[in-house]
PDB file of N, CA and C in Angstrom:
ATOM      1  N   MET A   1      12.920 199.937 112.556  1.00  0.00           N
ATOM      2  CA  MET A   1      14.019 198.672 112.861  1.00  0.00           C
ATOM      3  C   MET A   1      13.184 197.841 112.974  1.00  0.00           C
ATOM      4  N   ALA A   2      13.726 196.320 113.291  1.00  0.00           N
ATOM      5  CA  ALA A   2      12.625 195.467 113.476  1.00  0.00           C
ATOM      6  C   ALA A   2      13.318 194.288 114.496  1.00  0.00           C
ATOM      7  N   SER A   3      12.528 193.475 115.503  1.00  0.00           N
ATOM      8  CA  SER A   3      12.942 192.719 115.966  1.00  0.00           C
ATOM      9  C   SER A   3      12.167 191.643 115.380  1.00  0.00           C
ATOM     10  N   ILE A   4      12.800 190.192 115.374  1.00  0.00           N
ATOM     11  CA  ILE A   4      12.600 189.090 114.474  1.00  0.00           C
ATOM     12  C   ILE A   4      12.467 188.025 115.809  1.00  0.00           C
ATOM     13  N   THR A   5      11.239 186.505 115.765  1.00  0.00           N
ATOM     14  CA  THR A   5      11.207 186.173 116.976  1.00  0.00           C
ATOM     15  C   THR A   5      10.745 184.857 116.252  1.00  0.00           C
ATOM     16  N   ILE A   6      11.506 183.915 116.605  1.00  0.00           N
ATOM     17  CA  ILE A   6      10.903 182.246 115.326  1.00  0.00           C
ATOM     18  C   ILE A   6      10.707 181.540 116.813  1.00  0.00           C
ATOM     19  N   LYS A   7       9.015 180.928 116.457  1.00  0.00           N
ATOM     20  CA  LYS A   7       8.697 179.500 117.825  1.00  0.00           C
ATOM     21  C   LYS A   7       8.966 178.142 116.903  1.00  0.00           C
ATOM     22  N   MET A   8      10.027 177.503 117.775  1.00  0.00           N
ATOM     23  CA  MET A   8      10.445 176.103 117.008  1.00  0.00           C
ATOM     24  C   MET A   8       9.271 175.294 117.287  1.00  0.00           C
ATOM     25  N   LYS A   9       9.026 174.411 116.231  1.00  0.00           N
ATOM     26  CA  LYS A   9       7.858 173.976 116.821  1.00  0.00           C
ATOM     27  C   LYS A   9       8.704 173.006 118.141  1.00  0.00           C
ATOM     28  N   ASN A  10       9.600 172.491 118.162  1.00  0.00           N
ATOM     29  CA  ASN A  10       9.933 171.953 118.969  1.00  0.00           C
ATOM     30  C   ASN A  10      10.105 172.717 120.792  1.00  0.00           C
ATOM     31  N   GLY A  11       9.066 174.216 120.647  1.00  0.00           N
ATOM     32  CA  GLY A  11       9.414 174.405 121.819  1.00  0.00           C
ATOM     33  C   GLY A  11      10.521 176.171 121.922  1.00  0.00           C
ATOM     34  N   GLU A  12      11.228 175.637 120.990  1.00  0.00           N
ATOM     35  CA  GLU A  12      12.618 176.783 120.821  1.00  0.00           C
ATOM     36  C   GLU A  12      12.483 177.746 120.708  1.00  0.00           C
ATOM     37  N   ILE A  13      12.618 179.009 121.966  1.00  0.00           N
ATOM     38  CA  ILE A  13      12.341 180.812 120.643  1.00  0.00           C
ATOM     39  C   ILE A  13      14.013 180.799 120.599  1.00  0.00           C
ATOM     40  N   LYS A  14      13.992 181.251 119.228  1.00  0.00           N
ATOM     41  CA  LYS A  14      14.736 182.201 118.682  1.00  0.00           C
ATOM     42  C   LYS A  14      14.795 183.710 118.389  1.00  0.00           C
ATOM     43  N   GLU A  15      15.739 184.261 119.066  1.00  0.00           N
ATOM     44  CA  GLU A  15      14.857 185.714 119.333  1.00  0.00           C
ATOM     45  C   GLU A  15      16.379 186.812 118.494  1.00  0.00           C
ATOM     46  N   PHE A  16      16.182 187.681 117.625  1.00  0.00           N
ATOM     47  CA  PHE A  16      16.894 187.965 116.809  1.00  0.00           C
ATOM     48  C   PHE A  16      15.957 189.915 116.726  1.00  0.00           C
ATOM     49  N   PRO A  17      16.982 190.474 118.336  1.00  0.00           N
ATOM     50  CA  PRO A  17      16.616 191.520 118.284  1.00  0.00           C
ATOM     51  C   PRO A  17      17.297 192.574 117.609  1.00  0.00           C
ATOM     52  N   HIS A  18      16.608 194.219 117.462  1.00  0.00           N
ATOM     53  CA  HIS A  18      17.316 194.783 116.446  1.00  0.00           C
ATOM     54  C   HIS A  18      18.037 195.668 117.211  1.00  0.00           C
ATOM     55  N   ALA A  19      19.661 195.924 116.741  1.00  0.00           N
ATOM     56  CA  ALA A  19      20.615 196.003 117.712  1.00  0.00           C
ATOM     57  C   ALA A  19      21.470 197.109 116.648  1.00  0.00           C
ATOM     58  N   GLY A  20      20.803 197.614 116.137  1.00  0.00           N
ATOM     59  CA  GLY A  20      21.646 199.056 115.281  1.00  0.00           C
ATOM     60  C   GLY A  20      22.853 198.765 114.496  1.00  0.00           C
ATOM     61  N   ARG A  21      23.818 199.776 114.002  1.00  0.00           N
ATOM     62  CA  ARG A  21      24.792 199.410 113.603  1.00  0.00           C
ATOM     63  C   ARG A  21      25.175 200.969 113.287  1.00  0.00           C
ATOM     64  N   ALA A  22      26.295 201.166 113.111  1.00  0.00           N
ATOM     65  CA  ALA A  22      26.898 203.075 113.047  1.00  0.00           C
ATOM     66  C   ALA A  22      26.389 202.952 111.930  1.00  0.00           C
ATOM     67  N   GLY A  23      26.109 204.258 111.655  1.00  0.00           N
ATOM     68  CA  GLY A  23      26.267 204.686 109.894  1.00  0.00           C
ATOM     69  C   GLY A  23      24.934 204.596 109.363  1.00  0.00           C
ATOM     70  N   GLY A  24      24.137 204.741 109.660  1.00  0.00           N
ATOM     71  CA  GLY A  24      22.720 204.272 109.555  1.00  0.00           C
ATOM     72  C   GLY A  24      21.388 203.961 110.018  1.00  0.00           C
ATOM     73  N   SER A  25      20.394 203.454 109.166  1.00  0.00           N
ATOM     74  CA  SER A  25      19.340 202.815 109.780  1.00  0.00           C
ATOM     75  C   SER A  25      19.524 200.793 109.493  1.00  0.00           C
ATOM     76  N   TYR A  26      20.398 200.180 109.608  1.00  0.00           N
ATOM     77  CA  TYR A  26      20.508 199.169 109.375  1.00  0.00           C
ATOM     78  C   TYR A  26      19.653 198.248 110.444  1.00  0.00           C
ATOM     79  N   THR A  27      19.270 197.152 109.828  1.00  0.00           N
ATOM     80  CA  THR A  27      18.000 196.304 110.887  1.00  0.00           C
ATOM     81  C   THR A  27      17.826 195.281 110.024  1.00  0.00           C
ATOM     82  N   LYS A  28      17.637 194.122 111.414  1.00  0.00           N
ATOM     83  CA  LYS A  28      17.193 192.459 111.010  1.00  0.00           C
ATOM     84  C   LYS A  28      16.147 192.600 109.965  1.00  0.00           C
ATOM     85  N   THR A  29      16.334 191.769 109.003  1.00  0.00           N
ATOM     86  CA  THR A  29      15.003 191.668 107.770  1.00  0.00           C
ATOM     87  C   THR A  29      14.926 189.998 107.958  1.00  0.00           C
ATOM     88  N   ILE A  30      14.159 189.725 107.205  1.00  0.00           N
ATOM     89  CA  ILE A  30      13.256 188.285 107.265  1.00  0.00           C
ATOM     90  C   ILE A  30      12.878 188.102 105.490  1.00  0.00           C
ATOM     91  N   ARG A  31      13.643 186.965 105.192  1.00  0.00           N
ATOM     92  CA  ARG A  31      12.946 186.585 103.862  1.00  0.00           C
ATOM     93  C   ARG A  31      12.696 185.007 103.630  1.00  0.00           C
ATOM     94  N   TYR A  32      12.003 184.851 102.696  1.00  0.00           N
ATOM     95  CA  TYR A  32      11.357 182.867 102.812  1.00  0.00           C
ATOM     96  C   TYR A  32      11.592 182.877 101.292  1.00  0.00           C
ATOM     97  N   GLU A  33      12.766 181.668 100.977  1.00  0.00           N
ATOM     98  CA  GLU A  33      13.720 180.827  99.920  1.00  0.00           C
ATOM     99  C   GLU A  33      12.901 180.083 100.180  1.00  0.00           C
ATOM    100  N   GLY A  34      12.889 178.938  99.096  1.00  0.00           N
ATOM    101  CA  GLY A  34      13.235 177.172  99.090  1.00  0.00           C
ATOM    102  C   GLY A  34      12.938 176.774 100.724  1.00  0.00           C
ATOM    103  N   GLY A  35      11.659 176.686 101.145  1.00  0.00           N
ATOM    104  CA  GLY A  35      11.571 176.344 102.513  1.00  0.00           C
ATOM    105  C   GLY A  35      12.436 176.500 103.181  1.00  0.00           C
ATOM    106  N   PHE A  36      13.004 177.697 103.428  1.00  0.00           N
ATOM    107  CA  PHE A  36      13.658 178.696 104.590  1.00  0.00           C
ATOM    108  C   PHE A  36      13.242 179.893 105.152  1.00  0.00           C
ATOM    109  N   ALA A  37      13.654 179.916 106.129  1.00  0.00           N
ATOM    110  CA  ALA A  37      13.188 181.076 106.457  1.00  0.00           C
ATOM    111  C   ALA A  37      14.784 182.200 106.727  1.00  0.00           C
ATOM    112  N   ILE A  38      14.777 182.806 106.132  1.00  0.00           N
ATOM    113  CA  ILE A  38      16.497 182.999 106.263  1.00  0.00           C
ATOM    114  C   ILE A  38      16.666 185.409 107.070  1.00  0.00           C
ATOM    115  N   VAL A  39      17.046 184.685 108.133  1.00  0.00           N
ATOM    116  CA  VAL A  39      17.363 186.482 109.056  1.00  0.00           C
ATOM    117  C   VAL A  39      18.204 186.996 108.239  1.00  0.00           C
ATOM    118  N   THR A  40      18.545 188.125 108.241  1.00  0.00           N
ATOM    119  CA  THR A  40      19.690 188.597 108.044  1.00  0.00           C
ATOM    120  C   THR A  40      19.723 189.712 109.061  1.00  0.00           C
ATOM    121  N   ASP A  41      21.432 190.217 109.182  1.00  0.00           N
ATOM    122  CA  ASP A  41      21.527 190.924 110.650  1.00  0.00           C
ATOM    123  C   ASP A  41      22.393 192.656 110.162  1.00  0.00           C
ATOM    124  N   GLU A  42      22.536 193.047 111.102  1.00  0.00           N
ATOM    125  CA  GLU A  42      22.696 194.736 110.430  1.00  0.00           C
ATOM    126  C   GLU A  42      24.127 194.683 109.886  1.00  0.00           C
ATOM    127  N   PHE A  43      25.078 193.700 109.752  1.00  0.00           N
ATOM    128  CA  PHE A  43      26.245 193.425 109.580  1.00  0.00           C
ATOM    129  C   PHE A  43      25.661 192.505 108.052  1.00  0.00           C
ATOM    130  N   ASP A  44      24.718 191.972 107.444  1.00  0.00           N
ATOM    131  CA  ASP A  44      24.424 191.209 106.878  1.00  0.00           C
ATOM    132  C   ASP A  44      24.956 189.571 106.211  1.00  0.00           C
ATOM    133  N   GLU A  45      24.567 189.481 107.560  1.00  0.00           N
ATOM    134  CA  GLU A  45      25.462 188.127 107.781  1.00  0.00           C
ATOM    135  C   GLU A  45      24.082 187.673 108.261  1.00  0.00           C
ATOM    136  N   GLU A  46      23.521 186.063 107.642  1.00  0.00           N
ATOM    137  CA  GLU A  46      22.637 185.478 107.660  1.00  0.00           C
ATOM    138  C   GLU A  46      22.811 184.038 108.445  1.00  0.00           C
ATOM    139  N   ILE A  47      21.442 183.736 108.563  1.00  0.00           N
ATOM    140  CA  ILE A  47      20.645 182.580 108.989  1.00  0.00           C
ATOM    141  C   ILE A  47      19.514 182.166 108.318  1.00  0.00           C
ATOM    142  N   ALA A  48      19.679 180.475 107.763  1.00  0.00           N
ATOM    143  CA  ALA A  48      18.795 180.038 107.724  1.00  0.00           C
ATOM    144  C   ALA A  48      18.182 178.884 108.387  1.00  0.00           C
ATOM    145  N   ILE A  49      16.841 178.804 108.573  1.00  0.00           N
ATOM    146  CA  ILE A  49      16.441 178.400 109.067  1.00  0.00           C
ATOM    147  C   ILE A  49      14.739 177.535 108.274  1.00  0.00           C
ATOM    148  N   PRO A  50      15.116 176.000 108.892  1.00  0.00           N
ATOM    149  CA  PRO A  50      14.189 175.131 107.153  1.00  0.00           C
ATOM    150  C   PRO A  50      12.741 175.746 107.971  1.00  0.00           C
ATOM    151  N   SER A  51      11.721 175.826 107.045  1.00  0.00           N
ATOM    152  CA  SER A  51      10.896 176.264 107.006  1.00  0.00           C
ATOM    153  C   SER A  51       9.720 175.016 107.647  1.00  0.00           C
ATOM    154  N   ALA A  52      10.350 173.788 107.663  1.00  0.00           N
ATOM    155  CA  ALA A  52       9.448 172.527 108.616  1.00  0.00           C
ATOM    156  C   ALA A  52       9.450 172.517 109.767  1.00  0.00           C
ATOM    157  N   ASP A  53      10.381 172.914 110.377  1.00  0.00           N
ATOM    158  CA  ASP A  53      10.950 173.524 111.715  1.00  0.00           C
ATOM    159  C   ASP A  53      10.262 174.029 112.727  1.00  0.00           C
ATOM    160  N   ILE A  54       9.774 175.363 111.937  1.00  0.00           N
ATOM    161  CA  ILE A  54       9.202 176.860 112.408  1.00  0.00           C
ATOM    162  C   ILE A  54       7.454 176.384 112.635  1.00  0.00           C
ATOM    163  N   ALA A  55       7.388 176.553 114.004  1.00  0.00           N
ATOM    164  CA  ALA A  55       5.863 177.101 114.374  1.00  0.00           C
ATOM    165  C   ALA A  55       5.506 178.848 113.829  1.00  0.00           C
ATOM    166  N   GLU A  56       5.895 179.463 114.339  1.00  0.00           N
ATOM    167  CA  GLU A  56       5.679 180.668 113.917  1.00  0.00           C
ATOM    168  C   GLU A  56       7.020 181.859 113.771  1.00  0.00           C
ATOM    169  N   ILE A  57       6.607 183.108 113.365  1.00  0.00           N
ATOM    170  CA  ILE A  57       6.944 184.129 112.923  1.00  0.00           C
ATOM    171  C   ILE A  57       6.721 184.739 113.303  1.00  0.00           C
ATOM    172  N   LYS A  58       7.660 186.135 114.288  1.00  0.00           N
ATOM    173  CA  LYS A  58       6.385 187.403 114.348  1.00  0.00           C
ATOM    174  C   LYS A  58       7.764 188.126 114.348  1.00  0.00           C
ATOM    175  N   VAL A  59       7.659 189.503 113.355  1.00  0.00           N
ATOM    176  CA  VAL A  59       8.412 190.513 113.008  1.00  0.00           C
ATOM    177  C   VAL A  59       7.290 191.540 114.086  1.00  0.00           C
ATOM    178  N   THR A  60       8.517 192.334 114.481  1.00  0.00           N
ATOM    179  CA  THR A  60       8.063 193.697 115.219  1.00  0.00           C
ATOM    180  C   THR A  60       8.671 194.680 115.195  1.00  0.00           C
ATOM    181  N   PRO A  61       8.075 195.721 114.210  1.00  0.00           N
ATOM    182  CA  PRO A  61       8.813 197.143 113.748  1.00  0.00           C
ATOM    183  C   PRO A  61       8.865 197.618 115.067  1.00  0.00           C
ATOM    184  N   SER A  62       9.863 198.655 114.994  1.00  0.00           N
ATOM    185  CA  SER A  62       9.642 199.057 116.197  1.00  0.00           C
ATOM    186  C   SER A  62      10.327 201.212 115.119  1.00  0.00           C
ATOM    187  N   TYR A  63       9.889 201.688 115.510  1.00  0.00           N
ATOM    188  CA  TYR A  63       9.164 202.929 115.014  1.00  0.00           C
ATOM    189  C   TYR A  63       9.765 203.993 116.032  1.00  0.00           C
ATOM    190  N   GLY A  64      10.724 204.805 116.305  1.00  0.00           N
ATOM    191  CA  GLY A  64      10.951 205.522 117.323  1.00  0.00           C
ATOM    192  C   GLY A  64      11.724 207.194 116.430  1.00  0.00           C
ATOM    193  N   GLY A  65      11.547 208.149 117.700  1.00  0.00           N
ATOM    194  CA  GLY A  65      11.822 208.603 117.470  1.00  0.00           C
ATOM    195  C   GLY A  65      11.453 210.173 116.087  1.00  0.00           C
ATOM    196  N   TRP A  66       9.915 209.362 115.754  1.00  0.00           N
ATOM    197  CA  TRP A  66       9.703 210.120 114.645  1.00  0.00           C
ATOM    198  C   TRP A  66       9.184 211.534 114.899  1.00  0.00           C
TER     199      TRP A  66
END
C-alpha cells in the first residue's frame, strides 16, 4: 500500500493517500513517462502531471499487519 505526495513548484501540494479497495491489495502507484508523472489509483484511474511543474515527489509505503 502506498500514499503519494507531489509538491508542485508553485507550492501547491497534491496528495494521493492510500484508500484501498475491496477484493485485494490494490493501491496507488506512480510511473514516469514522456515528461509526466502518472498516478494510478486503486480503480485504475490515472492523472498525469507535467514533470516541469513538479518540485518533489514522495512515495510512502505503508506495511500493515505483517
